[in-house]
All heavy atoms as atom14 arrays in JSON, in Angstrom:
{
  "sequence": "SGSGSGSRSALGLEAGRPCLLRRTRLVTPGGVPVSANVVVAAAG",
  "atom14_mask": [
    [1, 1, 1, 1, 1, 1, 0, 0, 0, 0, 0, 0, 0, 0],
    [1, 1, 1, 1, 0, 0, 0, 0, 0, 0, 0, 0, 0, 0],
    [1, 1, 1, 1, 1, 1, 0, 0, 0, 0, 0, 0, 0, 0],
    [1, 1, 1, 1, 0, 0, 0, 0, 0, 0, 0, 0, 0, 0],
    [1, 1, 1, 1, 1, 1, 0, 0, 0, 0, 0, 0, 0, 0],
    [1, 1, 1, 1, 0, 0, 0, 0, 0, 0, 0, 0, 0, 0],
    [1, 1, 1, 1, 1, 1, 0, 0, 0, 0, 0, 0, 0, 0],
    [1, 1, 1, 1, 1, 1, 1, 1, 1, 1, 1, 0, 0, 0],
    [1, 1, 1, 1, 1, 1, 0, 0, 0, 0, 0, 0, 0, 0],
    [1, 1, 1, 1, 1, 0, 0, 0, 0, 0, 0, 0, 0, 0],
    [1, 1, 1, 1, 1, 1, 1, 1, 0, 0, 0, 0, 0, 0],
    [1, 1, 1, 1, 0, 0, 0, 0, 0, 0, 0, 0, 0, 0],
    [1, 1, 1, 1, 1, 1, 1, 1, 0, 0, 0, 0, 0, 0],
    [1, 1, 1, 1, 1, 1, 1, 1, 1, 0, 0, 0, 0, 0],
    [1, 1, 1, 1, 1, 0, 0, 0, 0, 0, 0, 0, 0, 0],
    [1, 1, 1, 1, 0, 0, 0, 0, 0, 0, 0, 0, 0, 0],
    [1, 1, 1, 1, 1, 1, 1, 1, 1, 1, 1, 0, 0, 0],
    [1, 1, 1, 1, 1, 1, 1, 0, 0, 0, 0, 0, 0, 0],
    [1, 1, 1, 1, 1, 1, 0, 0, 0, 0, 0, 0, 0, 0],
    [1, 1, 1, 1, 1, 1, 1, 1, 0, 0, 0, 0, 0, 0],
    [1, 1, 1, 1, 1, 1, 1, 1, 0, 0, 0, 0, 0, 0],
    [1, 1, 1, 1, 1, 1, 1, 1, 1, 1, 1, 0, 0, 0],
    [1, 1, 1, 1, 1, 1, 1, 1, 1, 1, 1, 0, 0, 0],
    [1, 1, 1, 1, 1, 1, 1, 0, 0, 0, 0, 0, 0, 0],
    [1, 1, 1, 1, 1, 1, 1, 1, 1, 1, 1, 0, 0, 0],
    [1, 1, 1, 1, 1, 1, 1, 1, 0, 0, 0, 0, 0, 0],
    [1, 1, 1, 1, 1, 1, 1, 0, 0, 0, 0, 0, 0, 0],
    [1, 1, 1, 1, 1, 1, 1, 0, 0, 0, 0, 0, 0, 0],
    [1, 1, 1, 1, 1, 1, 1, 0, 0, 0, 0, 0, 0, 0],
    [1, 1, 1, 1, 0, 0, 0, 0, 0, 0, 0, 0, 0, 0],
    [1, 1, 1, 1, 0, 0, 0, 0, 0, 0, 0, 0, 0, 0],
    [1, 1, 1, 1, 1, 1, 1, 0, 0, 0, 0, 0, 0, 0],
    [1, 1, 1, 1, 1, 1, 1, 0, 0, 0, 0, 0, 0, 0],
    [1, 1, 1, 1, 1, 1, 1, 0, 0, 0, 0, 0, 0, 0],
    [1, 1, 1, 1, 1, 1, 0, 0, 0, 0, 0, 0, 0, 0],
    [1, 1, 1, 1, 1, 0, 0, 0, 0, 0, 0, 0, 0, 0],
    [1, 1, 1, 1, 1, 1, 1, 1, 0, 0, 0, 0, 0, 0],
    [1, 1, 1, 1, 1, 1, 1, 0, 0, 0, 0, 0, 0, 0],
    [1, 1, 1, 1, 1, 1, 1, 0, 0, 0, 0, 0, 0, 0],
    [1, 1, 1, 1, 1, 1, 1, 0, 0, 0, 0, 0, 0, 0],
    [1, 1, 1, 1, 1, 0, 0, 0, 0, 0, 0, 0, 0, 0],
    [1, 1, 1, 1, 1, 0, 0, 0, 0, 0, 0, 0, 0, 0],
    [1, 1, 1, 1, 1, 0, 0, 0, 0, 0, 0, 0, 0, 0],
    [1, 1, 1, 1, 0, 0, 0, 0, 0, 0, 0, 0, 0, 0]
  ],
  "atom14_positions": [
    [[-3.75, 2.9, 7.34], [-4.8, 2.35, 8.27], [-4.24, 1.26, 9.13], [-4.71, 0.86, 10.13], [-5.9, 1.85, 7.58], [-5.48, 0.84, 6.58], [0.0, 0.0, 0.0], [0.0, 0.0, 0.0], [0.0, 0.0, 0.0], [0.0, 0.0, 0.0], [0.0, 0.0, 0.0], [0.0, 0.0, 0.0], [0.0, 0.0, 0.0], [0.0, 0.0, 0.0]],
    [[-3.17, 0.61, 8.68], [-2.58, -0.59, 9.37], [-1.53, -0.26, 10.48], [-1.15, 0.82, 10.64], [0.0, 0.0, 0.0], [0.0, 0.0, 0.0], [0.0, 0.0, 0.0], [0.0, 0.0, 0.0], [0.0, 0.0, 0.0], [0.0, 0.0, 0.0], [0.0, 0.0, 0.0], [0.0, 0.0, 0.0], [0.0, 0.0, 0.0], [0.0, 0.0, 0.0]],
    [[-1.03, -1.29, 11.08], [-0.03, -1.22, 12.11], [1.24, -0.73, 11.44], [1.88, -1.46, 10.66], [0.21, -2.49, 12.82], [-1.03, -2.85, 13.51], [0.0, 0.0, 0.0], [0.0, 0.0, 0.0], [0.0, 0.0, 0.0], [0.0, 0.0, 0.0], [0.0, 0.0, 0.0], [0.0, 0.0, 0.0], [0.0, 0.0, 0.0], [0.0, 0.0, 0.0]],
    [[1.74, 0.49, 11.78], [2.96, 0.93, 11.24], [2.98, 1.07, 9.72], [4.06, 0.77, 9.14], [0.0, 0.0, 0.0], [0.0, 0.0, 0.0], [0.0, 0.0, 0.0], [0.0, 0.0, 0.0], [0.0, 0.0, 0.0], [0.0, 0.0, 0.0], [0.0, 0.0, 0.0], [0.0, 0.0, 0.0], [0.0, 0.0, 0.0], [0.0, 0.0, 0.0]],
    [[1.97, 1.51, 9.09], [1.95, 1.64, 7.67], [3.15, 2.36, 7.07], [3.34, 3.54, 7.42], [0.58, 2.29, 7.19], [0.57, 2.36, 5.8], [0.0, 0.0, 0.0], [0.0, 0.0, 0.0], [0.0, 0.0, 0.0], [0.0, 0.0, 0.0], [0.0, 0.0, 0.0], [0.0, 0.0, 0.0], [0.0, 0.0, 0.0], [0.0, 0.0, 0.0]],
    [[3.91, 1.7, 6.34], [5.15, 2.28, 5.64], [6.44, 2.18, 6.54], [7.46, 2.54, 6.14], [0.0, 0.0, 0.0], [0.0, 0.0, 0.0], [0.0, 0.0, 0.0], [0.0, 0.0, 0.0], [0.0, 0.0, 0.0], [0.0, 0.0, 0.0], [0.0, 0.0, 0.0], [0.0, 0.0, 0.0], [0.0, 0.0, 0.0], [0.0, 0.0, 0.0]],
    [[6.16, 1.8, 7.8], [7.32, 1.63, 8.67], [8.41, 0.68, 8.29], [9.62, 0.89, 8.5], [6.83, 1.35, 10.05], [6.21, -0.03, 10.12], [0.0, 0.0, 0.0], [0.0, 0.0, 0.0], [0.0, 0.0, 0.0], [0.0, 0.0, 0.0], [0.0, 0.0, 0.0], [0.0, 0.0, 0.0], [0.0, 0.0, 0.0], [0.0, 0.0, 0.0]],
    [[8.05, -0.44, 7.81], [8.93, -1.49, 7.38], [10.06, -0.98, 6.32], [11.22, -1.15, 6.59], [8.24, -2.66, 6.9], [9.13, -3.96, 6.73], [8.33, -5.17, 6.38], [7.57, -5.07, 5.1], [6.3, -5.45, 5.03], [5.75, -6.03, 6.08], [5.72, -5.24, 3.93], [0.0, 0.0, 0.0], [0.0, 0.0, 0.0], [0.0, 0.0, 0.0]],
    [[9.5, -0.33, 5.34], [10.41, 0.21, 4.31], [11.19, 1.5, 4.82], [12.4, 1.62, 4.47], [9.73, 0.47, 2.98], [8.65, 1.41, 3.23], [0.0, 0.0, 0.0], [0.0, 0.0, 0.0], [0.0, 0.0, 0.0], [0.0, 0.0, 0.0], [0.0, 0.0, 0.0], [0.0, 0.0, 0.0], [0.0, 0.0, 0.0], [0.0, 0.0, 0.0]],
    [[10.45, 2.3, 5.59], [11.17, 3.52, 6.08], [12.25, 3.21, 7.05], [13.32, 3.89, 7.1], [10.14, 4.44, 6.8], [0.0, 0.0, 0.0], [0.0, 0.0, 0.0], [0.0, 0.0, 0.0], [0.0, 0.0, 0.0], [0.0, 0.0, 0.0], [0.0, 0.0, 0.0], [0.0, 0.0, 0.0], [0.0, 0.0, 0.0], [0.0, 0.0, 0.0]],
    [[12.17, 2.19, 7.79], [13.28, 1.7, 8.78], [14.21, 0.72, 8.06], [15.23, 0.42, 8.76], [12.67, 1.09, 10.01], [11.83, 2.04, 10.93], [11.11, 1.16, 11.98], [12.79, 3.11, 11.53], [0.0, 0.0, 0.0], [0.0, 0.0, 0.0], [0.0, 0.0, 0.0], [0.0, 0.0, 0.0], [0.0, 0.0, 0.0], [0.0, 0.0, 0.0]],
    [[13.95, 0.34, 6.84], [14.82, -0.63, 6.27], [14.86, -1.95, 6.95], [15.9, -2.6, 7.06], [0.0, 0.0, 0.0], [0.0, 0.0, 0.0], [0.0, 0.0, 0.0], [0.0, 0.0, 0.0], [0.0, 0.0, 0.0], [0.0, 0.0, 0.0], [0.0, 0.0, 0.0], [0.0, 0.0, 0.0], [0.0, 0.0, 0.0], [0.0, 0.0, 0.0]],
    [[13.82, -2.47, 7.46], [13.77, -3.66, 8.31], [13.75, -4.94, 7.35], [12.99, -5.08, 6.37], [12.5, -3.71, 9.08], [12.28, -2.57, 10.06], [10.93, -2.74, 10.78], [13.35, -2.72, 11.17], [0.0, 0.0, 0.0], [0.0, 0.0, 0.0], [0.0, 0.0, 0.0], [0.0, 0.0, 0.0], [0.0, 0.0, 0.0], [0.0, 0.0, 0.0]],
    [[14.69, -5.85, 7.71], [14.8, -7.08, 6.93], [13.62, -8.03, 7.28], [12.99, -7.74, 8.4], [16.2, -7.74, 7.13], [16.45, -8.12, 8.5], [17.04, -7.07, 9.33], [17.18, -5.91, 9.12], [17.41, -7.46, 10.55], [0.0, 0.0, 0.0], [0.0, 0.0, 0.0], [0.0, 0.0, 0.0], [0.0, 0.0, 0.0], [0.0, 0.0, 0.0]],
    [[13.28, -8.91, 6.52], [12.21, -9.82, 6.81], [12.3, -10.54, 8.09], [13.5, -11.1, 8.33], [12.13, -10.81, 5.64], [0.0, 0.0, 0.0], [0.0, 0.0, 0.0], [0.0, 0.0, 0.0], [0.0, 0.0, 0.0], [0.0, 0.0, 0.0], [0.0, 0.0, 0.0], [0.0, 0.0, 0.0], [0.0, 0.0, 0.0], [0.0, 0.0, 0.0]],
    [[11.35, -10.5, 8.82], [11.29, -11.35, 10.1], [11.97, -10.59, 11.29], [12.08, -11.15, 12.33], [0.0, 0.0, 0.0], [0.0, 0.0, 0.0], [0.0, 0.0, 0.0], [0.0, 0.0, 0.0], [0.0, 0.0, 0.0], [0.0, 0.0, 0.0], [0.0, 0.0, 0.0], [0.0, 0.0, 0.0], [0.0, 0.0, 0.0], [0.0, 0.0, 0.0]],
    [[12.46, -9.31, 11.06], [13.14, -8.56, 12.15], [12.22, -8.31, 13.32], [11.01, -7.86, 13.06], [13.57, -7.26, 11.51], [14.09, -6.36, 12.56], [15.52, -6.74, 12.98], [15.89, -5.89, 14.17], [17.07, -5.93, 14.75], [18.04, -6.68, 14.27], [17.46, -5.23, 15.83], [0.0, 0.0, 0.0], [0.0, 0.0, 0.0], [0.0, 0.0, 0.0]],
    [[12.47, -8.56, 14.55], [11.66, -8.35, 15.68], [11.53, -6.73, 15.86], [12.42, -6.04, 15.72], [12.36, -8.87, 16.87], [13.5, -9.73, 16.37], [13.75, -9.24, 14.99], [0.0, 0.0, 0.0], [0.0, 0.0, 0.0], [0.0, 0.0, 0.0], [0.0, 0.0, 0.0], [0.0, 0.0, 0.0], [0.0, 0.0, 0.0], [0.0, 0.0, 0.0]],
    [[10.22, -6.39, 15.97], [9.97, -4.89, 16.06], [9.1, -4.71, 17.42], [8.47, -5.59, 17.92], [9.1, -4.52, 14.98], [9.87, -4.62, 13.38], [0.0, 0.0, 0.0], [0.0, 0.0, 0.0], [0.0, 0.0, 0.0], [0.0, 0.0, 0.0], [0.0, 0.0, 0.0], [0.0, 0.0, 0.0], [0.0, 0.0, 0.0], [0.0, 0.0, 0.0]],
    [[9.13, -3.46, 17.77], [8.25, -3.01, 18.98], [7.25, -1.98, 18.2], [7.61, -1.09, 17.52], [9.07, -2.17, 19.96], [10.24, -2.99, 20.52], [11.0, -2.12, 21.42], [9.61, -4.19, 21.35], [0.0, 0.0, 0.0], [0.0, 0.0, 0.0], [0.0, 0.0, 0.0], [0.0, 0.0, 0.0], [0.0, 0.0, 0.0], [0.0, 0.0, 0.0]],
    [[5.99, -2.16, 18.63], [4.81, -1.34, 18.03], [4.3, -0.64, 19.34], [4.03, -1.32, 20.31], [3.77, -2.22, 17.42], [2.5, -1.47, 17.02], [2.78, -0.43, 15.96], [1.51, -2.47, 16.62], [0.0, 0.0, 0.0], [0.0, 0.0, 0.0], [0.0, 0.0, 0.0], [0.0, 0.0, 0.0], [0.0, 0.0, 0.0], [0.0, 0.0, 0.0]],
    [[3.98, 0.66, 19.24], [3.32, 1.45, 20.32], [2.3, 2.38, 19.73], [2.59, 3.1, 18.82], [4.5, 2.2, 20.97], [3.99, 3.24, 22.01], [5.23, 3.93, 22.66], [4.81, 5.29, 23.15], [5.19, 5.67, 24.37], [5.9, 4.88, 25.17], [4.91, 6.87, 24.85], [0.0, 0.0, 0.0], [0.0, 0.0, 0.0], [0.0, 0.0, 0.0]],
    [[1.15, 2.23, 20.24], [0.1, 3.1, 19.8], [-0.26, 3.95, 21.03], [-0.54, 3.35, 22.14], [-1.16, 2.42, 19.42], [-1.09, 1.73, 18.01], [-2.32, 0.96, 17.73], [-2.13, 0.31, 16.46], [-2.33, 0.86, 15.23], [-2.74, 2.09, 15.22], [-2.11, 0.17, 14.17], [0.0, 0.0, 0.0], [0.0, 0.0, 0.0], [0.0, 0.0, 0.0]],
    [[-0.3, 5.29, 20.9], [-0.69, 6.11, 22.04], [-1.58, 7.3, 21.68], [-1.8, 7.58, 20.45], [0.54, 6.78, 22.58], [1.26, 7.6, 21.57], [1.58, 5.71, 23.13], [0.0, 0.0, 0.0], [0.0, 0.0, 0.0], [0.0, 0.0, 0.0], [0.0, 0.0, 0.0], [0.0, 0.0, 0.0], [0.0, 0.0, 0.0], [0.0, 0.0, 0.0]],
    [[-2.14, 7.81, 22.6], [-2.89, 9.19, 22.56], [-2.28, 10.12, 23.55], [-1.94, 9.7, 24.61], [-4.43, 9.04, 22.88], [-5.2, 7.91, 22.17], [-5.34, 8.32, 20.72], [-6.31, 7.49, 20.04], [-6.02, 6.47, 19.27], [-4.67, 6.1, 19.13], [-6.87, 5.77, 18.69], [0.0, 0.0, 0.0], [0.0, 0.0, 0.0], [0.0, 0.0, 0.0]],
    [[-1.97, 11.31, 23.1], [-1.68, 12.34, 24.01], [-2.92, 13.02, 24.38], [-3.63, 13.5, 23.56], [-0.63, 13.36, 23.36], [0.83, 12.8, 23.01], [1.7, 13.88, 22.49], [1.43, 12.34, 24.41], [0.0, 0.0, 0.0], [0.0, 0.0, 0.0], [0.0, 0.0, 0.0], [0.0, 0.0, 0.0], [0.0, 0.0, 0.0], [0.0, 0.0, 0.0]],
    [[-3.16, 13.2, 25.62], [-4.46, 13.58, 26.17], [-4.23, 14.77, 27.15], [-3.31, 14.87, 27.81], [-5.29, 12.41, 26.82], [-5.59, 11.35, 25.87], [-4.59, 11.92, 28.13], [0.0, 0.0, 0.0], [0.0, 0.0, 0.0], [0.0, 0.0, 0.0], [0.0, 0.0, 0.0], [0.0, 0.0, 0.0], [0.0, 0.0, 0.0], [0.0, 0.0, 0.0]],
    [[-5.35, 15.6, 27.23], [-5.27, 16.73, 28.06], [-5.46, 16.16, 29.59], [-5.9, 15.0, 29.62], [-6.5, 17.73, 27.82], [-7.74, 17.08, 28.02], [-6.38, 18.23, 26.32], [0.0, 0.0, 0.0], [0.0, 0.0, 0.0], [0.0, 0.0, 0.0], [0.0, 0.0, 0.0], [0.0, 0.0, 0.0], [0.0, 0.0, 0.0], [0.0, 0.0, 0.0]],
    [[-5.42, 17.05, 30.56], [-5.69, 16.58, 32.0], [-7.2, 16.14, 32.08], [-7.54, 15.27, 32.86], [-5.56, 17.79, 32.81], [-4.41, 18.68, 32.08], [-4.78, 18.45, 30.66], [0.0, 0.0, 0.0], [0.0, 0.0, 0.0], [0.0, 0.0, 0.0], [0.0, 0.0, 0.0], [0.0, 0.0, 0.0], [0.0, 0.0, 0.0], [0.0, 0.0, 0.0]],
    [[-8.09, 16.61, 31.28], [-9.41, 16.01, 31.24], [-9.63, 14.81, 30.43], [-10.74, 14.3, 30.35], [0.0, 0.0, 0.0], [0.0, 0.0, 0.0], [0.0, 0.0, 0.0], [0.0, 0.0, 0.0], [0.0, 0.0, 0.0], [0.0, 0.0, 0.0], [0.0, 0.0, 0.0], [0.0, 0.0, 0.0], [0.0, 0.0, 0.0], [0.0, 0.0, 0.0]],
    [[-8.61, 14.28, 29.75], [-8.61, 13.0, 29.04], [-9.04, 13.22, 27.59], [-9.14, 12.16, 26.87], [0.0, 0.0, 0.0], [0.0, 0.0, 0.0], [0.0, 0.0, 0.0], [0.0, 0.0, 0.0], [0.0, 0.0, 0.0], [0.0, 0.0, 0.0], [0.0, 0.0, 0.0], [0.0, 0.0, 0.0], [0.0, 0.0, 0.0], [0.0, 0.0, 0.0]],
    [[-9.09, 14.35, 27.04], [-9.4, 14.67, 25.62], [-8.16, 14.32, 24.88], [-7.15, 15.02, 24.96], [-9.96, 16.07, 25.37], [-10.23, 16.27, 24.01], [-11.2, 16.3, 26.24], [0.0, 0.0, 0.0], [0.0, 0.0, 0.0], [0.0, 0.0, 0.0], [0.0, 0.0, 0.0], [0.0, 0.0, 0.0], [0.0, 0.0, 0.0], [0.0, 0.0, 0.0]],
    [[-8.26, 13.46, 23.82], [-7.17, 13.16, 22.92], [-6.78, 14.47, 22.07], [-7.64, 15.07, 21.4], [-7.55, 12.05, 22.0], [-8.76, 11.44, 22.77], [-9.38, 12.55, 23.52], [0.0, 0.0, 0.0], [0.0, 0.0, 0.0], [0.0, 0.0, 0.0], [0.0, 0.0, 0.0], [0.0, 0.0, 0.0], [0.0, 0.0, 0.0], [0.0, 0.0, 0.0]],
    [[-5.45, 14.72, 21.97], [-5.11, 15.82, 21.16], [-4.23, 15.34, 19.99], [-4.34, 15.86, 18.81], [-4.05, 16.74, 21.98], [-3.4, 17.94, 21.13], [-4.83, 17.43, 23.16], [0.0, 0.0, 0.0], [0.0, 0.0, 0.0], [0.0, 0.0, 0.0], [0.0, 0.0, 0.0], [0.0, 0.0, 0.0], [0.0, 0.0, 0.0], [0.0, 0.0, 0.0]],
    [[-3.64, 14.24, 20.18], [-2.96, 13.56, 18.98], [-2.95, 12.01, 19.21], [-3.15, 11.52, 20.33], [-1.54, 13.94, 18.82], [-0.67, 13.42, 19.93], [0.0, 0.0, 0.0], [0.0, 0.0, 0.0], [0.0, 0.0, 0.0], [0.0, 0.0, 0.0], [0.0, 0.0, 0.0], [0.0, 0.0, 0.0], [0.0, 0.0, 0.0], [0.0, 0.0, 0.0]],
    [[-2.85, 11.3, 18.03], [-2.83, 9.82, 18.16], [-1.54, 9.39, 17.34], [-1.32, 9.94, 16.34], [-4.01, 9.27, 17.53], [0.0, 0.0, 0.0], [0.0, 0.0, 0.0], [0.0, 0.0, 0.0], [0.0, 0.0, 0.0], [0.0, 0.0, 0.0], [0.0, 0.0, 0.0], [0.0, 0.0, 0.0], [0.0, 0.0, 0.0], [0.0, 0.0, 0.0]],
    [[-0.84, 8.56, 18.0], [0.51, 8.11, 17.39], [0.68, 6.63, 17.15], [0.33, 5.91, 18.05], [1.61, 8.71, 18.28], [1.52, 10.09, 18.58], [1.27, 10.92, 17.68], [1.55, 10.54, 19.88], [0.0, 0.0, 0.0], [0.0, 0.0, 0.0], [0.0, 0.0, 0.0], [0.0, 0.0, 0.0], [0.0, 0.0, 0.0], [0.0, 0.0, 0.0]],
    [[1.24, 6.24, 16.16], [1.68, 4.97, 15.95], [3.27, 5.01, 15.75], [3.79, 5.81, 14.93], [1.07, 4.31, 14.54], [1.72, 2.88, 14.3], [-0.49, 4.21, 14.63], [0.0, 0.0, 0.0], [0.0, 0.0, 0.0], [0.0, 0.0, 0.0], [0.0, 0.0, 0.0], [0.0, 0.0, 0.0], [0.0, 0.0, 0.0], [0.0, 0.0, 0.0]],
    [[3.9, 4.21, 16.54], [5.42, 4.22, 16.66], [5.93, 2.79, 16.42], [5.46, 1.88, 17.13], [5.89, 4.82, 17.93], [7.33, 4.92, 17.99], [5.24, 6.14, 18.22], [0.0, 0.0, 0.0], [0.0, 0.0, 0.0], [0.0, 0.0, 0.0], [0.0, 0.0, 0.0], [0.0, 0.0, 0.0], [0.0, 0.0, 0.0], [0.0, 0.0, 0.0]],
    [[6.85, 2.72, 15.64], [7.55, 1.39, 15.32], [9.01, 1.52, 15.49], [9.64, 2.42, 14.9], [7.26, 0.84, 13.93], [7.97, -0.53, 13.65], [5.68, 0.56, 13.84], [0.0, 0.0, 0.0], [0.0, 0.0, 0.0], [0.0, 0.0, 0.0], [0.0, 0.0, 0.0], [0.0, 0.0, 0.0], [0.0, 0.0, 0.0], [0.0, 0.0, 0.0]],
    [[9.64, 0.52, 16.21], [11.12, 0.56, 16.18], [11.47, -0.91, 16.07], [10.94, -1.77, 16.55], [11.61, 1.1, 17.57], [0.0, 0.0, 0.0], [0.0, 0.0, 0.0], [0.0, 0.0, 0.0], [0.0, 0.0, 0.0], [0.0, 0.0, 0.0], [0.0, 0.0, 0.0], [0.0, 0.0, 0.0], [0.0, 0.0, 0.0], [0.0, 0.0, 0.0]],
    [[12.79, -1.06, 15.47], [13.41, -2.47, 15.44], [13.81, -2.65, 16.89], [14.54, -1.91, 17.48], [14.69, -2.45, 14.49], [0.0, 0.0, 0.0], [0.0, 0.0, 0.0], [0.0, 0.0, 0.0], [0.0, 0.0, 0.0], [0.0, 0.0, 0.0], [0.0, 0.0, 0.0], [0.0, 0.0, 0.0], [0.0, 0.0, 0.0], [0.0, 0.0, 0.0]],
    [[13.43, -3.86, 17.37], [13.76, -4.35, 18.75], [15.22, -4.57, 18.75], [15.75, -5.23, 17.93], [12.97, -5.49, 19.13], [0.0, 0.0, 0.0], [0.0, 0.0, 0.0], [0.0, 0.0, 0.0], [0.0, 0.0, 0.0], [0.0, 0.0, 0.0], [0.0, 0.0, 0.0], [0.0, 0.0, 0.0], [0.0, 0.0, 0.0], [0.0, 0.0, 0.0]],
    [[15.85, -4.21, 19.96], [17.26, -4.68, 20.28], [18.34, -3.85, 19.54], [19.58, -4.14, 19.81], [0.0, 0.0, 0.0], [0.0, 0.0, 0.0], [0.0, 0.0, 0.0], [0.0, 0.0, 0.0], [0.0, 0.0, 0.0], [0.0, 0.0, 0.0], [0.0, 0.0, 0.0], [0.0, 0.0, 0.0], [0.0, 0.0, 0.0], [0.0, 0.0, 0.0]]
  ]
}
């Protein structure tokens, strides 16, 4: 349920590491969401 649940351990991020968080929806031309994504990356 949270921001990037499990991402810190999956990416092996050390404490305090700057990260980028992106939440998106992939939508049809009519605007209907087909998927919802949470993406986390270590910045830099």
